[in-house]
């Protein structure tokens, strides 16, 4: 059970402070544009759509977590 809590803490810390999702987002955009310029339009659209979905998901998760932390901090005061 301790290991599971540690993993959950690491994932939460990585989402709030880490840049890994952002780097994945940039790599997907880069692959999408490379495929677009190589005239693979269908694959390009798939990669660009995935990067957009990932970017929105990560931003939403970060906003929710930061709002929760802010409310938790304000309730302590």
PDB file of N, CA and C in Angstrom:
ATOM      1  N   UNK A   1       0.821  -1.196   0.000  1.00  0.00           N
ATOM      2  CA  UNK A   1       0.000   0.000   0.000  1.00  0.00           C
ATOM      3  C   UNK A   1       0.863   1.257   0.000  1.00  0.00           C
ATOM      4  N   UNK A   2       2.007   1.201   0.719  1.00  0.00           N
ATOM      5  CA  UNK A   2       2.904   2.359   0.741  1.00  0.00           C
ATOM      6  C   UNK A   2       3.451   2.650  -0.652  1.00  0.00           C
ATOM      7  N   UNK A   3       3.778   1.580  -1.385  1.00  0.00           N
ATOM      8  CA  UNK A   3       4.296   1.775  -2.741  1.00  0.00           C
ATOM      9  C   UNK A   3       3.274   2.455  -3.629  1.00  0.00           C
ATOM     10  N   UNK A   4       2.008   2.073  -3.483  1.00  0.00           N
ATOM     11  CA  UNK A   4       0.941   2.665  -4.286  1.00  0.00           C
ATOM     12  C   UNK A   4       0.785   4.150  -3.969  1.00  0.00           C
ATOM     13  N   UNK A   5       0.879   4.508  -2.683  1.00  0.00           N
ATOM     14  CA  UNK A   5       0.803   5.920  -2.297  1.00  0.00           C
ATOM     15  C   UNK A   5       1.996   6.690  -2.851  1.00  0.00           C
ATOM     16  N   UNK A   6       3.161   6.069  -2.834  1.00  0.00           N
ATOM     17  CA  UNK A   6       4.348   6.722  -3.379  1.00  0.00           C
ATOM     18  C   UNK A   6       4.229   6.965  -4.872  1.00  0.00           C
ATOM     19  N   UNK A   7       3.696   5.988  -5.589  1.00  0.00           N
ATOM     20  CA  UNK A   7       3.502   6.140  -7.033  1.00  0.00           C
ATOM     21  C   UNK A   7       2.480   7.232  -7.316  1.00  0.00           C
ATOM     22  N   UNK A   8       1.387   7.246  -6.549  1.00  0.00           N
ATOM     23  CA  UNK A   8       0.360   8.280  -6.741  1.00  0.00           C
ATOM     24  C   UNK A   8       0.937   9.662  -6.458  1.00  0.00           C
ATOM     25  N   UNK A   9       1.768   9.772  -5.408  1.00  0.00           N
ATOM     26  CA  UNK A   9       2.395  11.056  -5.088  1.00  0.00           C
ATOM     27  C   UNK A   9       3.326  11.493  -6.211  1.00  0.00           C
ATOM     28  N   UNK A  10       4.109  10.548  -6.735  1.00  0.00           N
ATOM     29  CA  UNK A  10       5.030  10.889  -7.817  1.00  0.00           C
ATOM     30  C   UNK A  10       4.281  11.350  -9.060  1.00  0.00           C
ATOM     31  N   UNK A  11       3.199  10.650  -9.409  1.00  0.00           N
ATOM     32  CA  UNK A  11       2.415  11.026 -10.591  1.00  0.00           C
ATOM     33  C   UNK A  11       1.800  12.404 -10.396  1.00  0.00           C
ATOM     34  N   UNK A  12       1.251  12.661  -9.203  1.00  0.00           N
ATOM     35  CA  UNK A  12       0.653  13.971  -8.929  1.00  0.00           C
ATOM     36  C   UNK A  12       1.715  15.065  -9.001  1.00  0.00           C
ATOM     37  N   UNK A  13       2.886  14.809  -8.424  1.00  0.00           N
ATOM     38  CA  UNK A  13       3.965  15.794  -8.458  1.00  0.00           C
ATOM     39  C   UNK A  13       4.425  16.037  -9.892  1.00  0.00           C
ATOM     40  N   UNK A  14       4.508  14.996 -10.684  1.00  0.00           N
ATOM     41  CA  UNK A  14       4.948  15.119 -12.074  1.00  0.00           C
ATOM     42  C   UNK A  14       3.940  15.915 -12.896  1.00  0.00           C
ATOM     43  N   UNK A  15       2.650  15.713 -12.645  1.00  0.00           N
ATOM     44  CA  UNK A  15       1.632  16.449 -13.393  1.00  0.00           C
ATOM     45  C   UNK A  15       1.669  17.925 -13.026  1.00  0.00           C
ATOM     46  N   UNK A  16       1.857  18.229 -11.734  1.00  0.00           N
ATOM     47  CA  UNK A  16       1.847  19.628 -11.302  1.00  0.00           C
ATOM     48  C   UNK A  16       3.134  20.335 -11.706  1.00  0.00           C
ATOM     49  N   UNK A  17       4.277  19.718 -11.412  1.00  0.00           N
ATOM     50  CA  UNK A  17       5.551  20.403 -11.582  1.00  0.00           C
ATOM     51  C   UNK A  17       6.334  19.960 -12.810  1.00  0.00           C
ATOM     52  N   UNK A  18       6.072  18.763 -13.296  1.00  0.00           N
ATOM     53  CA  UNK A  18       6.909  18.201 -14.343  1.00  0.00           C
ATOM     54  C   UNK A  18       6.602  18.724 -15.727  1.00  0.00           C
ATOM     55  N   UNK A  19       7.542  18.498 -16.618  1.00  0.00           N
ATOM     56  CA  UNK A  19       7.387  18.925 -18.002  1.00  0.00           C
ATOM     57  C   UNK A  19       7.230  17.754 -18.957  1.00  0.00           C
ATOM     58  N   UNK A  20       7.114  16.536 -18.433  1.00  0.00           N
ATOM     59  CA  UNK A  20       7.010  15.371 -19.307  1.00  0.00           C
ATOM     60  C   UNK A  20       5.802  15.420 -20.234  1.00  0.00           C
ATOM     61  N   UNK A  21       4.592  15.722 -19.740  1.00  0.00           N
ATOM     62  CA  UNK A  21       3.453  15.800 -20.668  1.00  0.00           C
ATOM     63  C   UNK A  21       3.636  16.895 -21.711  1.00  0.00           C
ATOM     64  N   UNK A  22       4.266  17.992 -21.302  1.00  0.00           N
ATOM     65  CA  UNK A  22       4.499  19.093 -22.233  1.00  0.00           C
ATOM     66  C   UNK A  22       5.479  18.671 -23.323  1.00  0.00           C
ATOM     67  N   UNK A  23       6.513  17.906 -22.960  1.00  0.00           N
ATOM     68  CA  UNK A  23       7.480  17.436 -23.952  1.00  0.00           C
ATOM     69  C   UNK A  23       6.832  16.450 -24.920  1.00  0.00           C
ATOM     70  N   UNK A  24       5.975  15.568 -24.408  1.00  0.00           N
ATOM     71  CA  UNK A  24       5.253  14.642 -25.286  1.00  0.00           C
ATOM     72  C   UNK A  24       4.373  15.421 -26.255  1.00  0.00           C
ATOM     73  N   UNK A  25       3.707  16.456 -25.736  1.00  0.00           N
ATOM     74  CA  UNK A  25       2.862  17.331 -26.541  1.00  0.00           C
ATOM     75  C   UNK A  25       3.680  17.962 -27.671  1.00  0.00           C
ATOM     76  N   UNK A  26       4.869  18.482 -27.356  1.00  0.00           N
ATOM     77  CA  UNK A  26       5.714  19.107 -28.378  1.00  0.00           C
ATOM     78  C   UNK A  26       6.208  18.097 -29.408  1.00  0.00           C
ATOM     79  N   UNK A  27       6.561  16.897 -28.962  1.00  0.00           N
ATOM     80  CA  UNK A  27       7.030  15.864 -29.890  1.00  0.00           C
ATOM     81  C   UNK A  27       5.915  15.465 -30.855  1.00  0.00           C
ATOM     82  N   UNK A  28       4.681  15.318 -30.352  1.00  0.00           N
ATOM     83  CA  UNK A  28       3.562  14.977 -31.236  1.00  0.00           C
ATOM     84  C   UNK A  28       3.304  16.076 -32.260  1.00  0.00           C
ATOM     85  N   UNK A  29       3.402  17.331 -31.840  1.00  0.00           N
ATOM     86  CA  UNK A  29       3.225  18.436 -32.785  1.00  0.00           C
ATOM     87  C   UNK A  29       4.328  18.406 -33.841  1.00  0.00           C
ATOM     88  N   UNK A  30       5.570  18.190 -33.406  1.00  0.00           N
ATOM     89  CA  UNK A  30       6.697  18.145 -34.336  1.00  0.00           C
ATOM     90  C   UNK A  30       6.517  17.021 -35.354  1.00  0.00           C
ATOM     91  N   UNK A  31       6.134  15.834 -34.895  1.00  0.00           N
ATOM     92  CA  UNK A  31       5.902  14.713 -35.813  1.00  0.00           C
ATOM     93  C   UNK A  31       4.768  15.043 -36.779  1.00  0.00           C
ATOM     94  N   UNK A  32       3.709  15.672 -36.268  1.00  0.00           N
ATOM     95  CA  UNK A  32       2.581  16.046 -37.118  1.00  0.00           C
ATOM     96  C   UNK A  32       2.983  17.003 -38.221  1.00  0.00           C
ATOM     97  N   UNK A  33       3.793  18.013 -37.885  1.00  0.00           N
ATOM     98  CA  UNK A  33       4.215  18.969 -38.910  1.00  0.00           C
ATOM     99  C   UNK A  33       5.196  18.351 -39.906  1.00  0.00           C
ATOM    100  N   UNK A  34       6.075  17.474 -39.432  1.00  0.00           N
ATOM    101  CA  UNK A  34       6.992  16.795 -40.359  1.00  0.00           C
ATOM    102  C   UNK A  34       6.195  15.952 -41.352  1.00  0.00           C
ATOM    103  N   UNK A  35       5.204  15.210 -40.857  1.00  0.00           N
ATOM    104  CA  UNK A  35       4.372  14.404 -41.754  1.00  0.00           C
ATOM    105  C   UNK A  35       3.567  15.284 -42.703  1.00  0.00           C
ATOM    106  N   UNK A  36       3.135  16.451 -42.219  1.00  0.00           N
ATOM    107  CA  UNK A  36       2.375  17.368 -43.069  1.00  0.00           C
ATOM    108  C   UNK A  36       3.235  17.855 -44.235  1.00  0.00           C
ATOM    109  N   UNK A  37       4.490  18.214 -43.940  1.00  0.00           N
ATOM    110  CA  UNK A  37       5.363  18.704 -45.004  1.00  0.00           C
ATOM    111  C   UNK A  37       5.839  17.585 -45.921  1.00  0.00           C
ATOM    112  N   UNK A  38       5.736  16.331 -45.469  1.00  0.00           N
ATOM    113  CA  UNK A  38       6.074  15.200 -46.332  1.00  0.00           C
ATOM    114  C   UNK A  38       4.842  14.703 -47.089  1.00  0.00           C
ATOM    115  N   UNK A  39       3.744  15.438 -46.991  1.00  0.00           N
ATOM    116  CA  UNK A  39       2.485  15.161 -47.703  1.00  0.00           C
ATOM    117  C   UNK A  39       1.755  13.918 -47.207  1.00  0.00           C
ATOM    118  N   UNK A  40       1.962  13.545 -45.954  1.00  0.00           N
ATOM    119  CA  UNK A  40       1.166  12.484 -45.334  1.00  0.00           C
ATOM    120  C   UNK A  40       0.074  13.163 -44.505  1.00  0.00           C
ATOM    121  N   UNK A  41      -0.951  13.661 -45.181  1.00  0.00           N
ATOM    122  CA  UNK A  41      -1.944  14.495 -44.509  1.00  0.00           C
ATOM    123  C   UNK A  41      -2.765  13.740 -43.468  1.00  0.00           C
ATOM    124  N   UNK A  42      -3.116  12.480 -43.739  1.00  0.00           N
ATOM    125  CA  UNK A  42      -3.950  11.735 -42.794  1.00  0.00           C
ATOM    126  C   UNK A  42      -3.174  11.470 -41.504  1.00  0.00           C
ATOM    127  N   UNK A  43      -1.930  10.994 -41.632  1.00  0.00           N
ATOM    128  CA  UNK A  43      -1.110  10.759 -40.441  1.00  0.00           C
ATOM    129  C   UNK A  43      -0.829  12.058 -39.704  1.00  0.00           C
ATOM    130  N   UNK A  44      -0.609  13.121 -40.457  1.00  0.00           N
ATOM    131  CA  UNK A  44      -0.370  14.422 -39.843  1.00  0.00           C
ATOM    132  C   UNK A  44      -1.566  14.849 -39.005  1.00  0.00           C
ATOM    133  N   UNK A  45      -2.763  14.687 -39.557  1.00  0.00           N
ATOM    134  CA  UNK A  45      -3.971  15.058 -38.813  1.00  0.00           C
ATOM    135  C   UNK A  45      -4.129  14.227 -37.546  1.00  0.00           C
ATOM    136  N   UNK A  46      -3.780  12.949 -37.615  1.00  0.00           N
ATOM    137  CA  UNK A  46      -3.884  12.088 -36.433  1.00  0.00           C
ATOM    138  C   UNK A  46      -2.941  12.576 -35.338  1.00  0.00           C
ATOM    139  N   UNK A  47      -1.679  12.854 -35.685  1.00  0.00           N
ATOM    140  CA  UNK A  47      -0.715  13.298 -34.680  1.00  0.00           C
ATOM    141  C   UNK A  47      -1.076  14.664 -34.116  1.00  0.00           C
ATOM    142  N   UNK A  48      -1.522  15.586 -34.970  1.00  0.00           N
ATOM    143  CA  UNK A  48      -1.886  16.915 -34.482  1.00  0.00           C
ATOM    144  C   UNK A  48      -3.132  16.856 -33.602  1.00  0.00           C
ATOM    145  N   UNK A  49      -4.080  15.987 -33.952  1.00  0.00           N
ATOM    146  CA  UNK A  49      -5.276  15.831 -33.118  1.00  0.00           C
ATOM    147  C   UNK A  49      -4.916  15.235 -31.763  1.00  0.00           C
ATOM    148  N   UNK A  50      -4.048  14.221 -31.760  1.00  0.00           N
ATOM    149  CA  UNK A  50      -3.612  13.618 -30.496  1.00  0.00           C
ATOM    150  C   UNK A  50      -2.894  14.635 -29.622  1.00  0.00           C
ATOM    151  N   UNK A  51      -2.049  15.464 -30.229  1.00  0.00           N
ATOM    152  CA  UNK A  51      -1.326  16.461 -29.441  1.00  0.00           C
ATOM    153  C   UNK A  51      -2.279  17.502 -28.869  1.00  0.00           C
ATOM    154  N   UNK A  52      -3.293  17.880 -29.632  1.00  0.00           N
ATOM    155  CA  UNK A  52      -4.273  18.851 -29.124  1.00  0.00           C
ATOM    156  C   UNK A  52      -5.065  18.260 -27.959  1.00  0.00           C
ATOM    157  N   UNK A  53      -5.496  17.006 -28.099  1.00  0.00           N
ATOM    158  CA  UNK A  53      -6.248  16.349 -27.022  1.00  0.00           C
ATOM    159  C   UNK A  53      -5.379  16.214 -25.777  1.00  0.00           C
ATOM    160  N   UNK A  54      -4.120  15.807 -25.956  1.00  0.00           N
ATOM    161  CA  UNK A  54      -3.210  15.663 -24.825  1.00  0.00           C
ATOM    162  C   UNK A  54      -2.969  17.003 -24.145  1.00  0.00           C
ATOM    163  N   UNK A  55      -2.779  18.049 -24.935  1.00  0.00           N
ATOM    164  CA  UNK A  55      -2.547  19.376 -24.361  1.00  0.00           C
ATOM    165  C   UNK A  55      -3.724  19.857 -23.541  1.00  0.00           C
ATOM    166  N   UNK A  56      -4.925  19.680 -24.051  1.00  0.00           N
ATOM    167  CA  UNK A  56      -6.127  20.101 -23.316  1.00  0.00           C
ATOM    168  C   UNK A  56      -6.301  19.258 -22.056  1.00  0.00           C
ATOM    169  N   UNK A  57      -6.055  17.961 -22.160  1.00  0.00           N
ATOM    170  CA  UNK A  57      -6.212  17.079 -20.998  1.00  0.00           C
ATOM    171  C   UNK A  57      -5.228  17.449 -19.890  1.00  0.00           C
ATOM    172  N   UNK A  58      -3.970  17.663 -20.246  1.00  0.00           N
ATOM    173  CA  UNK A  58      -2.960  18.009 -19.244  1.00  0.00           C
ATOM    174  C   UNK A  58      -3.274  19.358 -18.612  1.00  0.00           C
ATOM    175  N   UNK A  59      -3.665  20.328 -19.431  1.00  0.00           N
ATOM    176  CA  UNK A  59      -4.001  21.649 -18.891  1.00  0.00           C
ATOM    177  C   UNK A  59      -5.193  21.560 -17.945  1.00  0.00           C
ATOM    178  N   UNK A  60      -6.201  20.790 -18.307  1.00  0.00           N
ATOM    179  CA  UNK A  60      -7.383  20.639 -17.456  1.00  0.00           C
ATOM    180  C   UNK A  60      -7.028  19.969 -16.136  1.00  0.00           C
ATOM    181  N   UNK A  61      -6.216  18.919 -16.201  1.00  0.00           N
ATOM    182  CA  UNK A  61      -5.804  18.222 -14.981  1.00  0.00           C
ATOM    183  C   UNK A  61      -5.003  19.154 -14.086  1.00  0.00           C
ATOM    184  N   UNK A  62      -4.078  19.920 -14.659  1.00  0.00           N
ATOM    185  CA  UNK A  62      -3.279  20.848 -13.855  1.00  0.00           C
ATOM    186  C   UNK A  62      -4.150  21.920 -13.212  1.00  0.00           C
ATOM    187  N   UNK A  63      -5.108  22.459 -13.958  1.00  0.00           N
ATOM    188  CA  UNK A  63      -5.992  23.485 -13.404  1.00  0.00           C
ATOM    189  C   UNK A  63      -6.820  22.910 -12.256  1.00  0.00           C
ATOM    190  N   UNK A  64      -7.350  21.702 -12.426  1.00  0.00           N
ATOM    191  CA  UNK A  64      -8.153  21.077 -11.365  1.00  0.00           C
ATOM    192  C   UNK A  64      -7.319  20.831 -10.112  1.00  0.00           C
ATOM    193  N   UNK A  65      -6.114  20.315 -10.281  1.00  0.00           N
ATOM    194  CA  UNK A  65      -5.261  20.026  -9.128  1.00  0.00           C
ATOM    195  C   UNK A  65      -4.862  21.313  -8.423  1.00  0.00           C
ATOM    196  N   UNK A  66      -4.493  22.335  -9.183  1.00  0.00           N
ATOM    197  CA  UNK A  66      -4.099  23.602  -8.565  1.00  0.00           C
ATOM    198  C   UNK A  66      -5.288  24.252  -7.857  1.00  0.00           C
ATOM    199  N   UNK A  67      -6.480  24.155  -8.421  1.00  0.00           N
ATOM    200  CA  UNK A  67      -7.675  24.700  -7.770  1.00  0.00           C
ATOM    201  C   UNK A  67      -7.955  23.956  -6.471  1.00  0.00           C
ATOM    202  N   UNK A  68      -7.818  22.633  -6.490  1.00  0.00           N
ATOM    203  CA  UNK A  68      -8.023  21.836  -5.285  1.00  0.00           C
ATOM    204  C   UNK A  68      -7.020  22.224  -4.203  1.00  0.00           C
ATOM    205  N   UNK A  69      -5.758  22.390  -4.580  1.00  0.00           N
ATOM    206  CA  UNK A  69      -4.730  22.774  -3.608  1.00  0.00           C
ATOM    207  C   UNK A  69      -5.014  24.164  -3.056  1.00  0.00           C
ATOM    208  N   UNK A  70      -5.435  25.081  -3.915  1.00  0.00           N
ATOM    209  CA  UNK A  70      -5.761  26.438  -3.472  1.00  0.00           C
ATOM    210  C   UNK A  70      -6.929  26.424  -2.489  1.00  0.00           C
ATOM    211  N   UNK A  71      -7.993  25.680  -2.812  1.00  0.00           N
ATOM    212  CA  UNK A  71      -9.141  25.602  -1.908  1.00  0.00           C
ATOM    213  C   UNK A  71      -8.770  24.945  -0.582  1.00  0.00           C
ATOM    214  N   UNK A  72      -7.946  23.918  -0.653  1.00  0.00           N
ATOM    215  CA  UNK A  72      -7.500  23.234   0.554  1.00  0.00           C
ATOM    216  C   UNK A  72      -6.688  24.183   1.434  1.00  0.00           C
ATOM    217  N   UNK A  73      -5.835  24.987   0.806  1.00  0.00           N
ATOM    218  CA  UNK A  73      -5.025  25.954   1.550  1.00  0.00           C
ATOM    219  C   UNK A  73      -5.901  27.046   2.152  1.00  0.00           C
ATOM    220  N   UNK A  74      -6.877  27.533   1.388  1.00  0.00           N
ATOM    221  CA  UNK A  74      -7.755  28.587   1.895  1.00  0.00           C
ATOM    222  C   UNK A  74      -8.632  28.095   3.042  1.00  0.00           C
ATOM    223  N   UNK A  75      -9.028  26.836   3.010  1.00  0.00           N
ATOM    224  CA  UNK A  75      -9.854  26.293   4.089  1.00  0.00           C
ATOM    225  C   UNK A  75      -9.071  26.171   5.390  1.00  0.00           C
ATOM    226  N   UNK A  76      -7.758  26.020   5.301  1.00  0.00           N
ATOM    227  CA  UNK A  76      -6.932  25.937   6.507  1.00  0.00           C
ATOM    228  C   UNK A  76      -6.824  27.282   7.202  1.00  0.00           C
ATOM    229  N   UNK A  77      -6.909  28.371   6.431  1.00  0.00           N
ATOM    230  CA  UNK A  77      -6.730  29.711   7.015  1.00  0.00           C
ATOM    231  C   UNK A  77      -7.881  30.137   7.833  1.00  0.00           C
TER     232      UNK A  77
END
